[in-house]
N, C-alpha and C. Protein backbone atom coordinates (compact mmCIF):
# COMPACT_ATOMS: atom_id res chain seq x y z
N MET A 1 0.64 -1.38 -0.26
CA MET A 1 0.28 -0.11 0.30
C MET A 1 0.92 1.62 0.25
N CYS A 2 0.33 1.97 -0.73
CA CYS A 2 1.29 3.46 -1.13
C CYS A 2 0.49 4.80 -0.07
N LEU A 3 1.06 5.36 0.35
CA LEU A 3 0.64 6.66 1.39
C LEU A 3 1.17 7.91 0.73
N VAL A 4 0.61 9.01 0.91
CA VAL A 4 0.78 10.28 1.45
C VAL A 4 1.26 10.57 2.58
N VAL A 5 2.44 10.97 3.19
CA VAL A 5 1.75 11.50 4.83
C VAL A 5 2.52 13.43 4.55
N LEU A 6 1.59 13.92 5.37
CA LEU A 6 1.65 15.53 6.00
C LEU A 6 2.47 15.83 6.99
N CYS A 7 3.41 16.27 6.51
CA CYS A 7 4.06 16.88 7.83
C CYS A 7 4.34 18.38 7.64
N THR A 8 3.94 19.40 8.48
CA THR A 8 4.48 20.84 8.67
C THR A 8 5.52 21.02 8.85
N VAL A 9 6.51 21.92 8.62
CA VAL A 9 7.45 22.19 8.92
C VAL A 9 7.72 24.21 9.42
N PRO A 10 8.23 24.40 9.67
CA PRO A 10 8.34 26.03 10.13
C PRO A 10 9.10 26.78 9.12
N GLY A 11 9.43 26.08 8.10
CA GLY A 11 10.28 27.49 7.21
C GLY A 11 10.83 25.79 5.75
N PRO A 12 11.16 27.05 4.70
CA PRO A 12 11.97 26.15 3.65
C PRO A 12 13.28 25.32 4.08
N GLU A 13 14.02 25.84 5.06
CA GLU A 13 15.36 25.02 4.74
C GLU A 13 15.22 24.12 5.85
N THR A 14 14.32 23.85 6.90
CA THR A 14 13.91 22.77 7.46
C THR A 14 13.30 21.61 6.16
N GLY A 15 12.21 22.19 5.60
CA GLY A 15 11.75 21.01 4.95
C GLY A 15 12.92 20.54 3.92
N LEU A 16 13.40 21.34 3.26
CA LEU A 16 14.55 20.79 2.34
C LEU A 16 14.98 19.92 2.66
N SER A 17 15.94 20.08 4.08
CA SER A 17 16.68 19.05 4.98
C SER A 17 15.88 18.02 4.94
N ILE A 18 14.94 17.71 5.64
CA ILE A 18 14.08 16.48 6.11
C ILE A 18 14.02 15.82 4.67
N ALA A 19 13.40 16.55 3.63
CA ALA A 19 12.77 16.04 2.23
C ALA A 19 14.02 15.25 1.54
N ARG A 20 15.40 16.13 1.60
CA ARG A 20 16.48 15.24 1.31
C ARG A 20 17.01 14.00 1.75
N THR A 21 16.60 14.52 2.74
CA THR A 21 17.02 12.83 3.85
C THR A 21 16.58 11.92 3.31
N LEU A 22 14.83 12.28 3.74
CA LEU A 22 13.76 11.21 3.34
C LEU A 22 14.10 10.63 2.04
N VAL A 23 14.55 11.29 0.91
CA VAL A 23 14.60 10.85 -0.39
C VAL A 23 15.87 9.86 -0.30
N HIS A 24 17.10 10.58 0.18
CA HIS A 24 18.27 9.81 0.03
C HIS A 24 18.30 8.83 0.96
N GLU A 25 17.97 8.24 1.90
CA GLU A 25 17.73 6.92 2.76
C GLU A 25 16.73 6.27 1.86
N GLY A 26 15.96 6.87 1.08
CA GLY A 26 14.96 5.49 0.47
C GLY A 26 13.45 5.47 1.57
N LEU A 27 13.25 6.45 2.40
CA LEU A 27 12.12 6.12 2.77
C LEU A 27 11.51 6.70 2.12
N ALA A 28 11.44 7.96 1.09
CA ALA A 28 10.32 8.61 0.54
C ALA A 28 11.01 8.16 -0.67
N ALA A 29 9.71 8.14 -1.60
CA ALA A 29 10.39 8.26 -3.01
C ALA A 29 10.16 9.67 -3.51
N CYS A 30 9.34 10.85 -3.20
CA CYS A 30 9.38 12.09 -3.55
C CYS A 30 8.71 12.99 -2.75
N VAL A 31 8.95 13.94 -2.06
CA VAL A 31 8.85 14.84 -1.64
C VAL A 31 8.32 16.56 -1.86
N ASN A 32 7.35 16.73 -1.96
CA ASN A 32 6.72 18.25 -2.43
C ASN A 32 6.90 19.03 -1.21
N LEU A 33 7.41 20.05 -1.20
CA LEU A 33 7.47 21.48 -0.45
C LEU A 33 6.35 22.66 -0.65
N LEU A 34 5.62 22.54 0.12
CA LEU A 34 4.82 23.89 -0.21
C LEU A 34 4.20 24.68 0.60
N PRO A 35 5.01 25.78 0.05
CA PRO A 35 4.91 27.34 0.94
C PRO A 35 3.79 27.98 1.02
N GLY A 36 3.63 28.76 2.05
CA GLY A 36 2.62 29.84 2.12
C GLY A 36 0.90 29.07 2.81
N LEU A 37 1.28 28.57 3.71
CA LEU A 37 0.26 28.08 4.35
C LEU A 37 0.01 28.84 5.80
N THR A 38 -1.10 28.93 6.63
CA THR A 38 -0.64 29.27 7.75
C THR A 38 -1.42 28.38 8.76
N SER A 39 -0.95 27.53 9.78
CA SER A 39 -1.60 26.63 10.75
C SER A 39 -2.20 27.94 11.65
N VAL A 40 -3.37 27.37 12.32
CA VAL A 40 -4.17 27.86 13.79
C VAL A 40 -3.99 26.41 14.38
N TYR A 41 -3.60 26.38 15.38
CA TYR A 41 -3.86 25.36 16.40
C TYR A 41 -3.82 25.58 18.02
N ARG A 42 -4.22 24.48 18.52
CA ARG A 42 -4.20 24.88 20.20
C ARG A 42 -2.68 23.88 20.63
N TRP A 43 -2.12 24.98 21.72
CA TRP A 43 -0.81 24.43 21.94
C TRP A 43 -0.67 24.56 23.25
N GLU A 44 -0.48 23.62 24.10
CA GLU A 44 -0.26 23.84 25.85
C GLU A 44 -1.14 25.07 25.89
N GLY A 45 -2.34 24.91 25.93
CA GLY A 45 -3.76 25.70 26.56
C GLY A 45 -4.12 27.22 25.51
N GLN A 46 -3.17 27.34 24.46
CA GLN A 46 -3.42 28.73 23.68
C GLN A 46 -3.29 28.36 22.14
N VAL A 47 -3.96 29.53 21.74
CA VAL A 47 -4.36 29.04 20.24
C VAL A 47 -3.25 29.70 19.78
N GLU A 48 -2.34 29.28 18.84
CA GLU A 48 -1.48 29.58 17.69
C GLU A 48 -1.63 30.11 16.86
N GLU A 49 -1.02 30.70 15.94
CA GLU A 49 -1.34 31.22 14.34
C GLU A 49 0.49 31.10 14.11
N ASN A 50 0.49 30.15 13.31
CA ASN A 50 2.20 30.39 12.78
C ASN A 50 2.43 30.24 10.91
N PRO A 51 3.56 31.18 10.15
CA PRO A 51 3.02 30.88 9.21
C PRO A 51 4.17 29.45 9.15
N GLU A 52 3.76 28.51 7.92
CA GLU A 52 4.10 26.86 8.17
C GLU A 52 4.69 26.55 6.26
N HIS A 53 5.25 25.57 5.99
CA HIS A 53 5.45 25.04 5.25
C HIS A 53 5.16 23.42 4.89
N LEU A 54 4.11 23.01 4.13
CA LEU A 54 3.70 21.83 3.70
C LEU A 54 4.51 20.58 3.01
N LEU A 55 5.09 19.56 3.78
CA LEU A 55 5.53 18.11 2.97
C LEU A 55 4.82 17.33 2.81
N LEU A 56 4.43 16.90 1.19
CA LEU A 56 3.72 16.17 0.83
C LEU A 56 4.94 15.17 0.30
N ILE A 57 4.97 13.87 1.41
CA ILE A 57 5.62 12.65 0.96
C ILE A 57 5.05 11.27 0.68
N LYS A 58 5.73 10.98 -0.45
CA LYS A 58 4.97 9.82 -1.08
C LYS A 58 6.26 9.12 -0.39
N THR A 59 5.34 7.42 0.23
CA THR A 59 6.02 6.72 0.51
C THR A 59 5.27 4.97 0.62
N GLN A 60 6.04 4.12 0.84
CA GLN A 60 5.25 3.17 0.79
C GLN A 60 4.89 2.35 2.36
N GLU A 61 3.49 1.92 2.72
CA GLU A 61 3.44 1.72 4.27
C GLU A 61 4.83 0.84 4.88
N ALA A 62 5.26 -0.15 4.51
CA ALA A 62 6.34 -0.65 4.53
C ALA A 62 7.73 0.28 5.07
N ALA A 63 7.81 1.37 4.49
CA ALA A 63 8.93 2.26 4.96
C ALA A 63 8.17 3.28 6.23
N TYR A 64 7.28 3.09 6.69
CA TYR A 64 6.40 4.26 7.28
C TYR A 64 6.67 3.88 8.65
N PRO A 65 7.11 3.42 9.09
CA PRO A 65 7.92 3.27 10.84
C PRO A 65 9.01 3.86 11.10
N ALA A 66 9.87 3.66 9.81
CA ALA A 66 11.32 4.20 9.67
C ALA A 66 11.38 5.57 9.41
N LEU A 67 10.35 6.04 8.52
CA LEU A 67 10.49 7.14 8.28
C LEU A 67 9.29 8.29 9.34
N GLU A 68 8.50 7.56 10.44
CA GLU A 68 7.83 8.16 10.81
C GLU A 68 9.03 8.66 11.92
N GLN A 69 9.81 7.68 12.43
CA GLN A 69 11.31 8.06 13.13
C GLN A 69 11.97 8.76 13.17
N ARG A 70 12.40 8.89 11.58
CA ARG A 70 13.18 9.51 11.12
C ARG A 70 13.21 11.02 10.84
N ILE A 71 11.58 11.53 10.56
CA ILE A 71 11.23 12.56 11.09
C ILE A 71 11.06 12.95 12.34
N GLN A 72 10.89 12.46 13.27
CA GLN A 72 10.62 12.73 14.71
C GLN A 72 12.61 13.30 15.22
N GLU A 73 13.57 12.58 14.61
CA GLU A 73 14.52 12.91 14.82
C GLU A 73 14.97 14.21 14.02
N LEU A 74 14.64 14.49 12.84
CA LEU A 74 14.75 15.79 12.30
C LEU A 74 14.30 16.83 12.50
N HIS A 75 13.29 16.66 12.91
CA HIS A 75 12.15 18.01 12.96
C HIS A 75 12.15 18.41 14.56
N PRO A 76 12.35 19.84 14.14
CA PRO A 76 12.38 20.84 15.30
C PRO A 76 11.26 20.98 16.46
N TYR A 77 10.23 20.68 15.74
CA TYR A 77 9.13 20.88 16.87
C TYR A 77 9.04 19.59 18.12
N GLN A 78 8.40 19.71 19.01
CA GLN A 78 8.13 18.82 20.04
C GLN A 78 7.34 17.36 19.48
N VAL A 79 6.44 18.23 18.68
CA VAL A 79 5.30 17.16 18.51
C VAL A 79 4.95 17.28 17.11
N PRO A 80 5.52 16.96 16.07
CA PRO A 80 5.30 17.02 14.46
C PRO A 80 4.14 16.33 14.00
N GLU A 81 3.63 17.20 13.09
CA GLU A 81 2.74 16.85 12.44
C GLU A 81 3.19 15.61 11.67
N VAL A 82 2.64 14.21 11.92
CA VAL A 82 2.86 13.17 10.93
C VAL A 82 1.68 12.56 10.65
N VAL A 83 1.05 12.82 9.22
CA VAL A 83 -0.01 12.32 9.28
C VAL A 83 -0.24 11.83 7.94
N ALA A 84 -0.20 10.35 7.87
CA ALA A 84 -0.48 9.40 6.45
C ALA A 84 -1.79 8.96 5.67
N LEU A 85 -1.63 9.05 4.61
CA LEU A 85 -3.14 9.06 3.89
C LEU A 85 -2.85 7.80 3.32
N ARG A 86 -3.79 6.88 2.69
CA ARG A 86 -3.49 5.84 2.04
C ARG A 86 -3.85 6.28 0.68
N ILE A 87 -3.20 5.86 -0.16
CA ILE A 87 -3.82 6.52 -1.69
C ILE A 87 -4.22 5.00 -2.33
N GLU A 88 -5.56 5.37 -2.45
CA GLU A 88 -6.44 4.30 -2.78
C GLU A 88 -6.32 3.80 -4.16
N LYS A 89 -6.31 4.88 -4.94
CA LYS A 89 -5.92 4.65 -6.70
C LYS A 89 -4.77 5.58 -7.23
N GLY A 90 -4.25 5.18 -7.92
CA GLY A 90 -3.09 6.15 -9.10
C GLY A 90 -2.65 5.50 -10.36
N LEU A 91 -1.88 6.21 -10.87
CA LEU A 91 -1.50 5.82 -11.81
C LEU A 91 -0.64 4.90 -11.73
N PRO A 92 -0.86 3.54 -12.25
CA PRO A 92 0.00 2.04 -12.08
C PRO A 92 1.57 1.87 -12.14
N ALA A 93 1.75 2.93 -13.31
CA ALA A 93 3.53 3.06 -13.45
C ALA A 93 3.75 3.91 -12.26
N TYR A 94 2.72 5.08 -11.80
CA TYR A 94 3.65 6.21 -10.64
C TYR A 94 3.89 5.14 -9.30
N LEU A 95 2.74 4.33 -9.07
CA LEU A 95 2.91 3.66 -7.99
C LEU A 95 3.94 2.44 -7.95
N GLU A 96 4.03 2.26 -8.88
CA GLU A 96 5.00 0.99 -8.89
C GLU A 96 6.90 1.76 -8.57
N TRP A 97 6.63 3.04 -9.67
CA TRP A 97 7.91 3.64 -9.25
C TRP A 97 7.88 4.22 -8.07
N LEU A 98 6.80 4.41 -7.46
CA LEU A 98 6.85 4.84 -5.75
C LEU A 98 7.50 3.88 -4.77
N LYS A 99 7.00 2.63 -5.46
CA LYS A 99 7.72 1.31 -4.46
C LYS A 99 8.72 1.29 -4.51
N ALA A 100 9.32 1.19 -5.72
CA ALA A 100 10.66 0.91 -6.37
C ALA A 100 11.51 1.80 -5.52
N SER A 101 11.22 2.97 -5.48
CA SER A 101 11.93 4.43 -5.19
C SER A 101 12.06 4.06 -3.45
N THR A 102 11.25 3.47 -2.90
CA THR A 102 11.04 3.41 -1.41
C THR A 102 11.78 2.06 -0.90
N GLN A 103 12.99 1.56 -1.12
CA GLN A 103 13.27 0.51 -0.57
C GLN A 103 14.28 1.03 0.57
N LEU A 104 14.43 0.18 1.52
CA LEU A 104 14.81 0.81 2.82
C LEU A 104 16.63 0.56 2.58
N ARG A 105 17.06 1.10 2.95
CA ARG A 105 19.11 1.44 2.14
C ARG A 105 19.72 0.96 3.50
């Protein structure tokens, strides 16, 4: 099963660093870095509002545990957003490439 993992980061430098590491280590086939979003959330009893970037991480289910652990190691947030969504359908050739590109090294 292939997954898209959502992860917000505080800025482009952090996002690129995490993205490069995940792809280099074979934990992700591709990571898109989307700028320009604002997150509104409750943290430690306060409503916070901060600019962030979103990582769209494409991986497969078998790589997810290592990917989640690696994000926690690399991410500056105490509790980073890491949410995985199953890809129900997709271009078969793309999904095969995704699987072939996420072999744990």
